[in-house]
């Protein structure tokens, strides 16, 4: 399935916590990392994915889908 046919859940989660800058502060990482996750449409680091999922009120699977 083409990536543009489904929502970018990472972008949704980042927006829910207040945008890239606030997300970077809460996640204790750089803004560049946040933008990289948005571009990749997933978070490879399971610990970071779970933390953002918790902060955004989403399921881990939405941010780190199984292949």
PDB file of N, CA and C in Angstrom:
ATOM      1  N   UNK A   1       0.844  -1.184   0.000  1.00  0.00           N
ATOM      2  CA  UNK A   1       0.000   0.000   0.000  1.00  0.00           C
ATOM      3  C   UNK A   1       0.885   1.242   0.000  1.00  0.00           C
ATOM      4  N   UNK A   2       0.492   2.209  -0.777  1.00  0.00           N
ATOM      5  CA  UNK A   2       1.248   3.452  -0.894  1.00  0.00           C
ATOM      6  C   UNK A   2       1.177   4.225   0.419  1.00  0.00           C
ATOM      7  N   UNK A   3       2.333   4.767   0.905  1.00  0.00           N
ATOM      8  CA  UNK A   3       2.365   5.461   2.205  1.00  0.00           C
ATOM      9  C   UNK A   3       1.398   6.633   2.325  1.00  0.00           C
ATOM     10  N   UNK A   4       1.074   7.284   1.235  1.00  0.00           N
ATOM     11  CA  UNK A   4       0.200   8.455   1.312  1.00  0.00           C
ATOM     12  C   UNK A   4      -1.272   8.072   1.475  1.00  0.00           C
ATOM     13  N   UNK A   5      -1.590   6.780   1.377  1.00  0.00           N
ATOM     14  CA  UNK A   5      -2.973   6.351   1.490  1.00  0.00           C
ATOM     15  C   UNK A   5      -3.418   6.119   2.930  1.00  0.00           C
ATOM     16  N   UNK A   6      -2.492   6.188   3.872  1.00  0.00           N
ATOM     17  CA  UNK A   6      -2.851   6.056   5.276  1.00  0.00           C
ATOM     18  C   UNK A   6      -2.166   7.160   6.065  1.00  0.00           C
ATOM     19  N   UNK A   7      -2.731   7.534   7.221  1.00  0.00           N
ATOM     20  CA  UNK A   7      -2.196   8.681   7.969  1.00  0.00           C
ATOM     21  C   UNK A   7      -0.801   8.422   8.544  1.00  0.00           C
ATOM     22  N   UNK A   8      -0.052   9.486   8.680  1.00  0.00           N
ATOM     23  CA  UNK A   8       1.262   9.411   9.304  1.00  0.00           C
ATOM     24  C   UNK A   8       1.027   9.509  10.816  1.00  0.00           C
ATOM     25  N   UNK A   9       0.944   8.343  11.474  1.00  0.00           N
ATOM     26  CA  UNK A   9       0.622   8.319  12.900  1.00  0.00           C
ATOM     27  C   UNK A   9       1.685   8.977  13.765  1.00  0.00           C
ATOM     28  N   UNK A  10       2.928   8.960  13.311  1.00  0.00           N
ATOM     29  CA  UNK A  10       3.986   9.627  14.076  1.00  0.00           C
ATOM     30  C   UNK A  10       3.720  11.133  14.072  1.00  0.00           C
ATOM     31  N   UNK A  11       3.351  11.663  12.930  1.00  0.00           N
ATOM     32  CA  UNK A  11       3.041  13.089  12.824  1.00  0.00           C
ATOM     33  C   UNK A  11       1.841  13.440  13.700  1.00  0.00           C
ATOM     34  N   UNK A  12       0.839  12.563  13.724  1.00  0.00           N
ATOM     35  CA  UNK A  12      -0.349  12.765  14.565  1.00  0.00           C
ATOM     36  C   UNK A  12       0.061  12.786  16.040  1.00  0.00           C
ATOM     37  N   UNK A  13       0.898  11.832  16.454  1.00  0.00           N
ATOM     38  CA  UNK A  13       1.338  11.753  17.856  1.00  0.00           C
ATOM     39  C   UNK A  13       2.130  12.989  18.252  1.00  0.00           C
ATOM     40  N   UNK A  14       3.027  13.423  17.388  1.00  0.00           N
ATOM     41  CA  UNK A  14       3.841  14.614  17.670  1.00  0.00           C
ATOM     42  C   UNK A  14       2.937  15.832  17.824  1.00  0.00           C
ATOM     43  N   UNK A  15       1.946  15.949  16.957  1.00  0.00           N
ATOM     44  CA  UNK A  15       1.009  17.074  17.046  1.00  0.00           C
ATOM     45  C   UNK A  15       0.216  17.015  18.351  1.00  0.00           C
ATOM     46  N   UNK A  16      -0.185  15.808  18.767  1.00  0.00           N
ATOM     47  CA  UNK A  16      -0.966  15.646  20.003  1.00  0.00           C
ATOM     48  C   UNK A  16      -0.202  16.108  21.244  1.00  0.00           C
ATOM     49  N   UNK A  17       1.123  15.944  21.243  1.00  0.00           N
ATOM     50  CA  UNK A  17       1.896  16.347  22.428  1.00  0.00           C
ATOM     51  C   UNK A  17       2.377  17.795  22.341  1.00  0.00           C
ATOM     52  N   UNK A  18       2.033  18.503  21.264  1.00  0.00           N
ATOM     53  CA  UNK A  18       2.354  19.921  21.199  1.00  0.00           C
ATOM     54  C   UNK A  18       3.329  20.340  20.122  1.00  0.00           C
ATOM     55  N   UNK A  19       3.614  19.470  19.189  1.00  0.00           N
ATOM     56  CA  UNK A  19       4.498  19.819  18.084  1.00  0.00           C
ATOM     57  C   UNK A  19       5.912  19.289  18.282  1.00  0.00           C
ATOM     58  N   UNK A  20       6.752  19.417  17.244  1.00  0.00           N
ATOM     59  CA  UNK A  20       8.104  18.848  17.269  1.00  0.00           C
ATOM     60  C   UNK A  20       9.003  19.356  18.394  1.00  0.00           C
ATOM     61  N   UNK A  21       8.963  20.638  18.681  1.00  0.00           N
ATOM     62  CA  UNK A  21       9.853  21.186  19.710  1.00  0.00           C
ATOM     63  C   UNK A  21       9.483  20.658  21.093  1.00  0.00           C
ATOM     64  N   UNK A  22       8.204  20.724  21.424  1.00  0.00           N
ATOM     65  CA  UNK A  22       7.747  20.211  22.720  1.00  0.00           C
ATOM     66  C   UNK A  22       7.969  18.699  22.802  1.00  0.00           C
ATOM     67  N   UNK A  23       7.716  18.003  21.723  1.00  0.00           N
ATOM     68  CA  UNK A  23       7.914  16.558  21.687  1.00  0.00           C
ATOM     69  C   UNK A  23       9.382  16.219  21.948  1.00  0.00           C
ATOM     70  N   UNK A  24      10.286  16.951  21.321  1.00  0.00           N
ATOM     71  CA  UNK A  24      11.717  16.710  21.528  1.00  0.00           C
ATOM     72  C   UNK A  24      12.095  16.898  22.994  1.00  0.00           C
ATOM     73  N   UNK A  25      11.548  17.916  23.630  1.00  0.00           N
ATOM     74  CA  UNK A  25      11.826  18.148  25.053  1.00  0.00           C
ATOM     75  C   UNK A  25      11.287  17.006  25.911  1.00  0.00           C
ATOM     76  N   UNK A  26      10.057  16.592  25.651  1.00  0.00           N
ATOM     77  CA  UNK A  26       9.445  15.512  26.425  1.00  0.00           C
ATOM     78  C   UNK A  26      10.141  14.169  26.197  1.00  0.00           C
ATOM     79  N   UNK A  27      10.609  13.961  24.968  1.00  0.00           N
ATOM     80  CA  UNK A  27      11.230  12.685  24.606  1.00  0.00           C
ATOM     81  C   UNK A  27      12.734  12.662  24.886  1.00  0.00           C
ATOM     82  N   UNK A  28      13.268  13.816  25.296  1.00  0.00           N
ATOM     83  CA  UNK A  28      14.697  13.947  25.579  1.00  0.00           C
ATOM     84  C   UNK A  28      15.553  13.559  24.379  1.00  0.00           C
ATOM     85  N   UNK A  29      15.203  14.143  23.233  1.00  0.00           N
ATOM     86  CA  UNK A  29      15.994  13.937  22.016  1.00  0.00           C
ATOM     87  C   UNK A  29      15.945  15.230  21.202  1.00  0.00           C
ATOM     88  N   UNK A  30      16.614  15.237  20.082  1.00  0.00           N
ATOM     89  CA  UNK A  30      16.689  16.458  19.272  1.00  0.00           C
ATOM     90  C   UNK A  30      15.460  16.618  18.378  1.00  0.00           C
ATOM     91  N   UNK A  31      15.247  17.833  17.964  1.00  0.00           N
ATOM     92  CA  UNK A  31      14.189  18.113  16.997  1.00  0.00           C
ATOM     93  C   UNK A  31      14.449  17.402  15.682  1.00  0.00           C
ATOM     94  N   UNK A  32      15.714  17.258  15.334  1.00  0.00           N
ATOM     95  CA  UNK A  32      16.094  16.550  14.113  1.00  0.00           C
ATOM     96  C   UNK A  32      15.622  15.100  14.173  1.00  0.00           C
ATOM     97  N   UNK A  33      15.749  14.493  15.345  1.00  0.00           N
ATOM     98  CA  UNK A  33      15.285  13.114  15.525  1.00  0.00           C
ATOM     99  C   UNK A  33      13.779  13.024  15.329  1.00  0.00           C
ATOM    100  N   UNK A  34      13.044  13.965  15.891  1.00  0.00           N
ATOM    101  CA  UNK A  34      11.587  13.981  15.751  1.00  0.00           C
ATOM    102  C   UNK A  34      11.204  14.091  14.275  1.00  0.00           C
ATOM    103  N   UNK A  35      11.844  15.000  13.556  1.00  0.00           N
ATOM    104  CA  UNK A  35      11.541  15.178  12.134  1.00  0.00           C
ATOM    105  C   UNK A  35      11.924  13.935  11.332  1.00  0.00           C
ATOM    106  N   UNK A  36      12.967  13.256  11.734  1.00  0.00           N
ATOM    107  CA  UNK A  36      13.374  12.011  11.079  1.00  0.00           C
ATOM    108  C   UNK A  36      12.300  10.940  11.270  1.00  0.00           C
ATOM    109  N   UNK A  37      11.777  10.831  12.485  1.00  0.00           N
ATOM    110  CA  UNK A  37      10.703   9.860  12.749  1.00  0.00           C
ATOM    111  C   UNK A  37       9.484  10.160  11.885  1.00  0.00           C
ATOM    112  N   UNK A  38       9.138  11.438  11.784  1.00  0.00           N
ATOM    113  CA  UNK A  38       7.980  11.832  10.969  1.00  0.00           C
ATOM    114  C   UNK A  38       8.215  11.458   9.519  1.00  0.00           C
ATOM    115  N   UNK A  39       9.394  11.745   9.012  1.00  0.00           N
ATOM    116  CA  UNK A  39       9.728  11.434   7.626  1.00  0.00           C
ATOM    117  C   UNK A  39       9.691   9.928   7.366  1.00  0.00           C
ATOM    118  N   UNK A  40      10.199   9.139   8.324  1.00  0.00           N
ATOM    119  CA  UNK A  40      10.231   7.681   8.180  1.00  0.00           C
ATOM    120  C   UNK A  40       8.876   7.031   8.464  1.00  0.00           C
ATOM    121  N   UNK A  41       7.978   7.808   9.092  1.00  0.00           N
ATOM    122  CA  UNK A  41       6.634   7.356   9.445  1.00  0.00           C
ATOM    123  C   UNK A  41       6.629   6.239  10.483  1.00  0.00           C
ATOM    124  N   UNK A  42       7.718   6.107  11.242  1.00  0.00           N
ATOM    125  CA  UNK A  42       7.811   5.107  12.310  1.00  0.00           C
ATOM    126  C   UNK A  42       8.938   5.478  13.260  1.00  0.00           C
ATOM    127  N   UNK A  43       8.926   4.855  14.436  1.00  0.00           N
ATOM    128  CA  UNK A  43       9.970   5.056  15.437  1.00  0.00           C
ATOM    129  C   UNK A  43      10.602   3.695  15.687  1.00  0.00           C
ATOM    130  N   UNK A  44      11.845   3.533  15.301  1.00  0.00           N
ATOM    131  CA  UNK A  44      12.518   2.241  15.411  1.00  0.00           C
ATOM    132  C   UNK A  44      12.815   1.845  16.851  1.00  0.00           C
ATOM    133  N   UNK A  45      13.161   2.826  17.681  1.00  0.00           N
ATOM    134  CA  UNK A  45      13.496   2.551  19.076  1.00  0.00           C
ATOM    135  C   UNK A  45      12.214   2.269  19.860  1.00  0.00           C
ATOM    136  N   UNK A  46      12.076   1.027  20.322  1.00  0.00           N
ATOM    137  CA  UNK A  46      10.819   0.627  20.969  1.00  0.00           C
ATOM    138  C   UNK A  46      10.547   1.404  22.258  1.00  0.00           C
ATOM    139  N   UNK A  47      11.588   1.744  22.989  1.00  0.00           N
ATOM    140  CA  UNK A  47      11.411   2.506  24.227  1.00  0.00           C
ATOM    141  C   UNK A  47      10.859   3.898  23.924  1.00  0.00           C
ATOM    142  N   UNK A  48      11.441   4.556  22.924  1.00  0.00           N
ATOM    143  CA  UNK A  48      10.972   5.891  22.533  1.00  0.00           C
ATOM    144  C   UNK A  48       9.564   5.811  21.936  1.00  0.00           C
ATOM    145  N   UNK A  49       9.311   4.769  21.154  1.00  0.00           N
ATOM    146  CA  UNK A  49       7.983   4.606  20.555  1.00  0.00           C
ATOM    147  C   UNK A  49       6.925   4.444  21.643  1.00  0.00           C
ATOM    148  N   UNK A  50       7.219   3.643  22.663  1.00  0.00           N
ATOM    149  CA  UNK A  50       6.262   3.431  23.750  1.00  0.00           C
ATOM    150  C   UNK A  50       6.033   4.722  24.534  1.00  0.00           C
ATOM    151  N   UNK A  51       7.098   5.471  24.768  1.00  0.00           N
ATOM    152  CA  UNK A  51       6.980   6.726  25.516  1.00  0.00           C
ATOM    153  C   UNK A  51       6.097   7.719  24.758  1.00  0.00           C
ATOM    154  N   UNK A  52       6.324   7.865  23.457  1.00  0.00           N
ATOM    155  CA  UNK A  52       5.515   8.792  22.674  1.00  0.00           C
ATOM    156  C   UNK A  52       4.075   8.296  22.588  1.00  0.00           C
ATOM    157  N   UNK A  53       3.887   7.002  22.441  1.00  0.00           N
ATOM    158  CA  UNK A  53       2.535   6.445  22.412  1.00  0.00           C
ATOM    159  C   UNK A  53       1.794   6.778  23.701  1.00  0.00           C
ATOM    160  N   UNK A  54       2.466   6.609  24.823  1.00  0.00           N
ATOM    161  CA  UNK A  54       1.856   6.925  26.122  1.00  0.00           C
ATOM    162  C   UNK A  54       1.510   8.407  26.227  1.00  0.00           C
ATOM    163  N   UNK A  55       2.439   9.263  25.834  1.00  0.00           N
ATOM    164  CA  UNK A  55       2.218  10.709  25.916  1.00  0.00           C
ATOM    165  C   UNK A  55       1.078  11.166  25.003  1.00  0.00           C
ATOM    166  N   UNK A  56       0.959  10.516  23.841  1.00  0.00           N
ATOM    167  CA  UNK A  56      -0.041  10.923  22.846  1.00  0.00           C
ATOM    168  C   UNK A  56      -1.362  10.178  22.998  1.00  0.00           C
ATOM    169  N   UNK A  57      -1.421   9.206  23.918  1.00  0.00           N
ATOM    170  CA  UNK A  57      -2.645   8.435  24.085  1.00  0.00           C
ATOM    171  C   UNK A  57      -2.928   7.525  22.906  1.00  0.00           C
ATOM    172  N   UNK A  58      -1.867   6.942  22.363  1.00  0.00           N
ATOM    173  CA  UNK A  58      -1.999   6.053  21.211  1.00  0.00           C
ATOM    174  C   UNK A  58      -1.441   4.671  21.557  1.00  0.00           C
ATOM    175  N   UNK A  59      -1.668   3.718  20.674  1.00  0.00           N
ATOM    176  CA  UNK A  59      -1.131   2.372  20.851  1.00  0.00           C
ATOM    177  C   UNK A  59       0.269   2.306  20.250  1.00  0.00           C
ATOM    178  N   UNK A  60       1.131   1.514  20.845  1.00  0.00           N
ATOM    179  CA  UNK A  60       2.493   1.334  20.357  1.00  0.00           C
ATOM    180  C   UNK A  60       2.487   0.901  18.887  1.00  0.00           C
ATOM    181  N   UNK A  61       1.582   0.017  18.522  1.00  0.00           N
ATOM    182  CA  UNK A  61       1.527  -0.507  17.160  1.00  0.00           C
ATOM    183  C   UNK A  61       1.254   0.577  16.124  1.00  0.00           C
ATOM    184  N   UNK A  62       0.647   1.664  16.557  1.00  0.00           N
ATOM    185  CA  UNK A  62       0.368   2.769  15.625  1.00  0.00           C
ATOM    186  C   UNK A  62       1.645   3.526  15.263  1.00  0.00           C
ATOM    187  N   UNK A  63       2.632   3.501  16.149  1.00  0.00           N
ATOM    188  CA  UNK A  63       3.877   4.237  15.916  1.00  0.00           C
ATOM    189  C   UNK A  63       5.023   3.339  15.470  1.00  0.00           C
ATOM    190  N   UNK A  64       4.860   2.048  15.695  1.00  0.00           N
ATOM    191  CA  UNK A  64       5.914   1.092  15.347  1.00  0.00           C
ATOM    192  C   UNK A  64       5.256  -0.166  14.800  1.00  0.00           C
ATOM    193  N   UNK A  65       4.695  -0.059  13.570  1.00  0.00           N
ATOM    194  CA  UNK A  65       3.961  -1.176  13.012  1.00  0.00           C
ATOM    195  C   UNK A  65       4.843  -2.393  12.738  1.00  0.00           C
ATOM    196  N   UNK A  66       4.245  -3.543  12.873  1.00  0.00           N
ATOM    197  CA  UNK A  66       4.954  -4.792  12.554  1.00  0.00           C
ATOM    198  C   UNK A  66       5.084  -4.893  11.046  1.00  0.00           C
ATOM    199  N   UNK A  67       6.211  -5.462  10.564  1.00  0.00           N
ATOM    200  CA  UNK A  67       6.416  -5.557   9.107  1.00  0.00           C
ATOM    201  C   UNK A  67       5.419  -6.480   8.431  1.00  0.00           C
TER     202      UNK A  67
END
